[in-house]
Protein backbone atom coordinates (compact mmCIF):
# COMPACT_ATOMS: atom_id res chain seq x y z
CA MET A 1 206.30 -29.33 137.70
CA GLU A 2 206.04 -26.75 140.19
CA SER A 3 208.39 -28.36 142.72
CA SER A 4 212.26 -27.37 143.11
CA GLN A 5 213.27 -30.97 142.04
CA GLY A 6 211.39 -30.78 139.35
CA TRP A 7 210.98 -27.49 136.81
CA SER A 8 209.85 -25.08 139.49
CA VAL A 9 207.25 -24.15 136.75
CA PRO A 10 204.77 -21.17 137.77
CA LEU A 11 201.45 -22.34 136.77
CA ASP A 12 198.03 -20.99 136.61
CA ARG A 13 194.73 -22.71 137.74
CA ILE A 14 191.57 -22.83 136.08
CA LYS A 15 188.60 -24.82 137.50
CA GLU A 16 185.99 -25.48 135.33
CA GLY A 17 183.20 -27.09 137.68
CA ARG A 18 185.14 -30.28 138.87
CA LYS A 19 187.72 -29.98 136.28
CA VAL A 20 190.86 -28.34 136.72
CA TYR A 21 193.33 -26.77 133.76
CA TYR A 22 196.29 -25.78 134.14
CA ARG A 23 198.49 -23.33 131.92
CA TYR A 24 201.88 -21.02 132.24
CA GLU A 25 201.81 -18.39 134.15
CA THR A 26 203.44 -16.46 131.14
CA SER A 27 202.88 -17.35 127.52
CA ASP A 28 206.18 -17.37 126.82
CA PHE A 29 207.66 -19.64 129.54
CA SER A 30 209.97 -22.48 128.79
CA ILE A 31 211.65 -25.32 130.50
CA ASN A 32 214.25 -25.06 127.89
CA LYS A 33 215.09 -21.56 129.32
CA GLN A 34 215.15 -22.62 133.23
CA PRO A 35 218.04 -22.67 134.99
CA MET A 36 219.83 -25.69 135.99
CA ASN A 37 218.47 -26.62 139.46
CA GLU A 38 221.11 -28.17 142.38
CA LEU A 39 220.41 -31.84 141.89
CA GLU A 40 221.47 -31.24 138.17
CA ALA A 41 224.39 -29.01 138.98
CA GLU A 42 225.66 -31.58 141.52
CA LYS A 43 225.24 -34.35 138.76
CA LEU A 44 227.24 -32.25 136.34
CA LYS A 45 230.20 -31.61 139.20
CA SER A 46 230.51 -35.02 139.17
CA ALA A 47 230.47 -35.80 135.63
CA LEU A 48 233.47 -33.08 135.52
CA LEU A 49 235.42 -34.73 138.37
CA VAL A 50 235.25 -37.74 136.30
CA LEU A 51 236.49 -36.19 133.08
CA SER A 52 239.56 -34.43 135.15
CA ARG A 53 240.75 -37.94 135.39
CA PHE A 54 242.28 -37.74 131.98
CA LYS A 55 243.37 -33.78 131.94
CA GLY A 56 247.04 -34.33 131.15
CA MET A 57 246.99 -37.17 129.13
CA PRO A 58 247.94 -37.46 125.28
CA GLN A 59 244.78 -37.23 123.06
CA PHE A 60 242.17 -35.47 125.82
CA GLU A 61 243.70 -32.02 125.88
CA TRP A 62 240.30 -30.96 124.86
CA VAL A 63 239.08 -31.78 128.28
CA ASN A 64 240.73 -29.23 129.95
CA GLU A 65 239.27 -26.68 127.42
CA LEU A 66 235.60 -28.53 127.85
CA ILE A 67 235.66 -28.37 131.75
CA LEU A 68 236.25 -24.55 131.53
CA LYS A 69 233.30 -24.31 129.53
CA LEU A 70 230.91 -26.26 131.36
CA GLN A 71 231.78 -24.14 134.70
CA GLU A 72 231.52 -20.75 133.01
CA ALA A 73 228.37 -21.83 131.11
CA PHE A 74 226.27 -23.33 134.00
CA LYS A 75 228.33 -21.36 136.92
CA LEU A 76 229.34 -24.02 138.61
CA GLN A 77 231.37 -23.27 141.82
CA SER A 78 234.95 -25.10 141.32
CA HIS A 79 235.73 -26.94 144.40
CA GLU A 80 238.76 -24.99 146.26
CA ARG A 81 240.61 -28.31 146.70
CA GLU A 82 240.69 -31.52 145.06
CA ILE A 83 238.12 -34.09 146.62
CA ILE A 84 238.98 -36.85 144.49
CA SER A 85 242.08 -38.53 142.88
CA PHE A 86 242.74 -41.52 140.78
CA ASP A 87 245.34 -43.99 140.90
CA ALA A 88 247.24 -43.43 137.56
CA ASN A 89 251.08 -42.87 136.78
CA GLU A 90 251.82 -39.94 135.03
CA TYR A 91 255.54 -40.21 135.03
CA LEU A 92 255.10 -43.64 133.12
CA LYS A 93 257.79 -43.87 130.09
CA ASN A 94 256.45 -43.10 126.80
CA ILE A 95 252.92 -41.83 127.90
CA HIS A 96 253.24 -39.58 125.08
CA PHE A 97 252.44 -42.32 122.52
CA LEU A 98 248.92 -42.97 123.90
CA GLY A 99 247.59 -40.53 122.08
CA ASP A 100 249.40 -41.71 118.50
CA LEU A 101 248.12 -45.35 119.16
CA PHE A 102 244.72 -44.24 120.31
CA ASN A 103 244.25 -42.75 116.71
CA ALA A 104 245.89 -45.67 115.23
CA ILE A 105 243.40 -47.88 116.52
CA LEU A 106 240.72 -45.32 115.84
CA TYR A 107 241.63 -45.00 112.31
CA LYS A 108 242.40 -48.57 111.64
CA LYS A 109 246.01 -48.17 110.72
CA VAL A 110 249.10 -50.47 110.66
CA LEU A 111 252.05 -50.23 112.63
CA GLN A 112 255.84 -51.11 112.43
CA VAL A 113 256.66 -51.13 115.85
CA ASP A 114 260.46 -51.23 117.45
CA TYR A 115 260.29 -53.03 120.43
CA GLN A 116 262.43 -53.79 123.37
CA SER A 117 260.96 -56.48 126.02
CA PHE A 118 262.51 -56.78 129.48
CA LYS A 119 263.93 -60.06 128.70
CA SER A 120 266.19 -59.17 125.27
CA ASP A 121 269.09 -56.57 124.73
CA VAL A 122 268.07 -56.76 121.02
CA ILE A 123 265.61 -54.28 119.52
CA THR A 124 262.74 -56.22 117.67
CA THR A 125 260.68 -55.07 114.89
CA LEU A 126 256.78 -56.16 114.52
CA GLU A 127 254.22 -55.26 112.16
CA ILE A 128 251.27 -54.71 114.71
CA HIS A 129 247.28 -54.24 113.37
CA PRO A 130 246.24 -52.01 116.75
CA TYR A 131 242.70 -52.96 118.31
CA TYR A 132 243.24 -51.99 122.14
CA LEU A 133 244.53 -50.09 125.01
CA LYS A 134 244.12 -51.71 128.31
CA GLN A 135 245.61 -50.41 131.65
CA HIS A 136 246.78 -52.67 134.35
CA ASN A 137 248.93 -52.03 137.52
CA ASN A 138 249.56 -48.55 136.50
CA ARG A 139 251.20 -49.57 133.00
CA TRP A 140 249.56 -49.19 129.52
CA PHE A 141 249.31 -52.19 127.12
CA LEU A 142 248.72 -52.24 123.42
CA ILE A 143 246.99 -55.17 122.19
CA GLY A 144 246.95 -56.13 118.67
CA ASN A 145 247.68 -58.54 116.25
CA ASN A 146 251.07 -59.32 114.75
CA PRO A 147 250.67 -61.59 111.06
CA GLU A 148 253.65 -63.91 112.14
CA PHE A 149 251.61 -65.26 115.11
CA GLU A 150 248.47 -67.01 116.16
CA ASN A 151 247.65 -65.03 119.04
CA LEU A 152 246.91 -61.62 120.00
CA THR A 153 250.22 -60.05 120.94
CA ASN A 154 250.33 -57.26 124.03
CA LEU A 155 252.98 -54.66 124.05
CA ALA A 156 254.26 -52.44 127.16
CA LEU A 157 254.14 -48.87 125.87
CA ASP A 158 257.27 -48.34 128.04
CA ARG A 159 258.82 -50.84 126.15
CA ILE A 160 258.00 -49.19 122.95
CA VAL A 161 261.28 -47.86 121.21
CA SER A 162 259.63 -46.49 118.12
CA PHE A 163 256.60 -46.80 115.87
CA ASN A 164 255.44 -45.65 112.46
CA GLU A 165 252.21 -45.91 110.17
CA ILE A 166 253.22 -48.23 107.00
CA ASP A 167 250.67 -48.87 104.10
CA LYS A 168 249.13 -52.12 104.72
CA LYS A 169 245.15 -53.18 104.95
CA HIS A 170 244.32 -53.04 108.42
CA GLN A 171 243.13 -56.48 109.64
CA VAL A 172 239.70 -56.43 111.35
CA SER A 173 239.18 -58.29 114.73
CA PRO A 174 236.06 -60.11 115.59
CA ILE A 175 236.71 -60.06 119.15
CA ASP A 176 234.69 -58.06 121.33
CA PHE A 177 237.52 -56.52 123.61
CA ASN A 178 234.90 -55.51 126.45
CA GLU A 179 234.64 -59.36 127.05
CA TYR A 180 237.73 -60.60 126.13
CA PHE A 181 239.68 -60.03 129.08
CA ASP A 182 236.91 -61.04 131.31
CA ASP A 183 238.68 -64.22 132.56
CA VAL A 184 242.03 -63.12 133.15
CA ILE A 185 243.42 -60.96 135.87
CA GLY A 186 246.21 -58.21 133.59
CA VAL A 187 246.60 -58.73 129.88
CA SER A 188 248.30 -61.80 129.15
CA ILE A 189 246.45 -64.90 127.80
CA PRO A 190 248.79 -67.78 127.20
CA PRO A 191 248.63 -69.95 124.33
CA GLU A 192 246.00 -72.50 124.18
CA SER A 193 244.74 -71.72 127.84
CA ILE A 194 241.79 -72.74 129.23
CA VAL A 195 239.77 -71.23 132.54
CA SER A 196 240.67 -72.89 135.63
CA LYS A 197 238.72 -73.14 138.97
CA ILE A 198 241.66 -71.79 141.50
CA THR A 199 240.80 -72.89 145.29
CA LEU A 200 242.53 -70.35 147.72
CA PHE A 201 242.89 -69.85 151.37
CA ALA A 202 243.70 -66.41 153.36
CA THR A 203 244.37 -66.13 156.82
CA PRO A 204 242.23 -64.22 159.57
CA ASP A 205 244.49 -61.43 158.88
CA LEU A 206 244.02 -61.03 155.11
CA ALA A 207 240.64 -62.29 154.85
CA PRO A 208 238.45 -59.04 155.55
CA TYR A 209 240.61 -57.42 152.88
CA ILE A 210 240.22 -60.34 150.27
CA MET A 211 236.05 -60.25 150.85
CA THR A 212 235.77 -56.52 150.72
CA LYS A 213 237.89 -56.26 147.56
CA PRO A 214 237.95 -59.42 145.31
CA LEU A 215 240.65 -60.85 143.36
CA HIS A 216 238.02 -61.36 140.16
CA GLY A 217 234.73 -60.79 139.47
CA SER A 218 234.15 -64.59 139.42
CA GLN A 219 235.08 -64.78 143.40
CA LYS A 220 233.02 -67.18 145.45
CA LYS A 221 232.82 -67.93 148.83
CA ILE A 222 233.52 -71.55 150.25
CA GLY A 223 234.04 -71.40 153.81
CA ASN A 224 234.80 -68.66 156.76
CA ASP A 225 235.72 -69.46 160.08
CA ASN A 226 238.41 -68.01 162.75
CA ASP A 227 240.80 -70.11 160.74
CA GLY A 228 240.67 -67.75 157.65
CA PHE A 229 238.48 -67.24 154.79
CA THR A 230 238.70 -69.85 151.77
CA PHE A 231 237.17 -69.01 148.48
CA SER A 232 237.45 -69.55 144.43
CA ILE A 233 238.17 -67.85 141.40
CA GLU A 234 237.43 -68.85 138.08
CA VAL A 235 240.26 -67.47 135.40
CA ILE A 236 242.91 -68.41 133.17
CA PRO A 237 246.01 -68.65 134.85
CA ASN A 238 248.77 -66.19 134.11
CA HIS A 239 251.82 -64.38 134.83
CA GLU A 240 249.96 -61.48 136.65
CA LEU A 241 247.80 -63.61 138.02
CA GLU A 242 250.95 -65.53 139.90
CA LYS A 243 252.20 -62.16 141.00
CA LEU A 244 249.00 -60.92 142.18
CA ILE A 245 248.79 -63.85 144.63
CA LEU A 246 252.64 -64.07 145.21
CA SER A 247 252.06 -60.24 146.42
CA PHE A 248 250.18 -61.34 149.71
CA GLY A 249 253.02 -63.04 151.15
CA GLU A 250 251.92 -65.84 153.59
CA GLY A 251 248.42 -64.65 153.86
CA LEU A 252 247.38 -66.51 150.76
CA LYS A 253 247.61 -69.81 149.94
CA VAL A 254 246.45 -71.62 146.57
CA ILE A 255 244.76 -74.98 147.67
CA THR A 256 244.06 -76.70 144.05
CA PRO A 257 244.99 -77.18 141.04
CA ASP A 258 248.18 -78.79 141.77
CA PHE A 259 249.86 -77.75 138.31
CA PHE A 260 248.98 -73.80 139.55
CA LYS A 261 249.93 -74.48 143.42
CA ASN A 262 253.31 -76.00 142.16
CA ALA A 263 254.45 -73.15 139.95
CA ILE A 264 253.77 -71.01 142.95
CA LYS A 265 255.33 -73.15 145.23
CA LEU A 266 258.59 -73.40 142.45
CA ARG A 267 258.36 -69.15 142.53
CA LEU A 268 258.59 -69.22 146.41
CA VAL A 269 261.53 -71.79 146.57
CA ASN A 270 263.61 -69.65 144.00
CA SER A 271 262.78 -66.42 145.75
CA LEU A 272 263.85 -67.92 148.73
CA ALA A 273 267.25 -69.32 146.96
CA ASN A 274 268.05 -65.25 146.69
CA TYR A 275 268.34 -65.30 150.32
């Protein structure tokens, strides 16, 4: 209680025989009136740095005001320059939709969305019961249910043309989205897909990167020597996984299973045909 790491409480010691009693030096003392200690201040500063990640994002304008209030209330000295940066694309097309979509999910609103995918010149109108917003590769995606399809639909925010609320009952999803994407890299889960054990080989130059930054949480080491690093991941194969593996070029090779190995090979052959 007396230490500076604790509450720095001024105490009186009263000895009665072998017993010692403690009491506040002043009867009106309260730990609730104590100024913040150095450790608490540093923890709060760290929390403010994390909060600052949301500054400027739609629906989170209140963060700016909150940060200023906390700095003033607790006399926190602002850093003269930024000391941490987060990877975010503030210039992403339609980022301003994020706040309204956030509210639609929060208040269980059904949406009519005009959407144009990269693969089509035609704008499609969809009924969407929105459930979740997920960021992948610096793009935002809206995950929801389209009654016309059995599986969930994911829509890239930068491909949404417009949307508005419609007067329909929101269909509640039983899915726990904290776990839903555990077995995938990205946001797409192909219909009737299952988790596959994919074995890969990384060259010696790439191996340290793969070992220190695993491709997925399920990554397990199989072997590591002068020739390279062999490892496995257990995921649902999808478009995003293919793109990720291809991004490592000749440094990463798929060993098994054959169906996924052949899919990567086909994409490489088609890519080579461009040259």
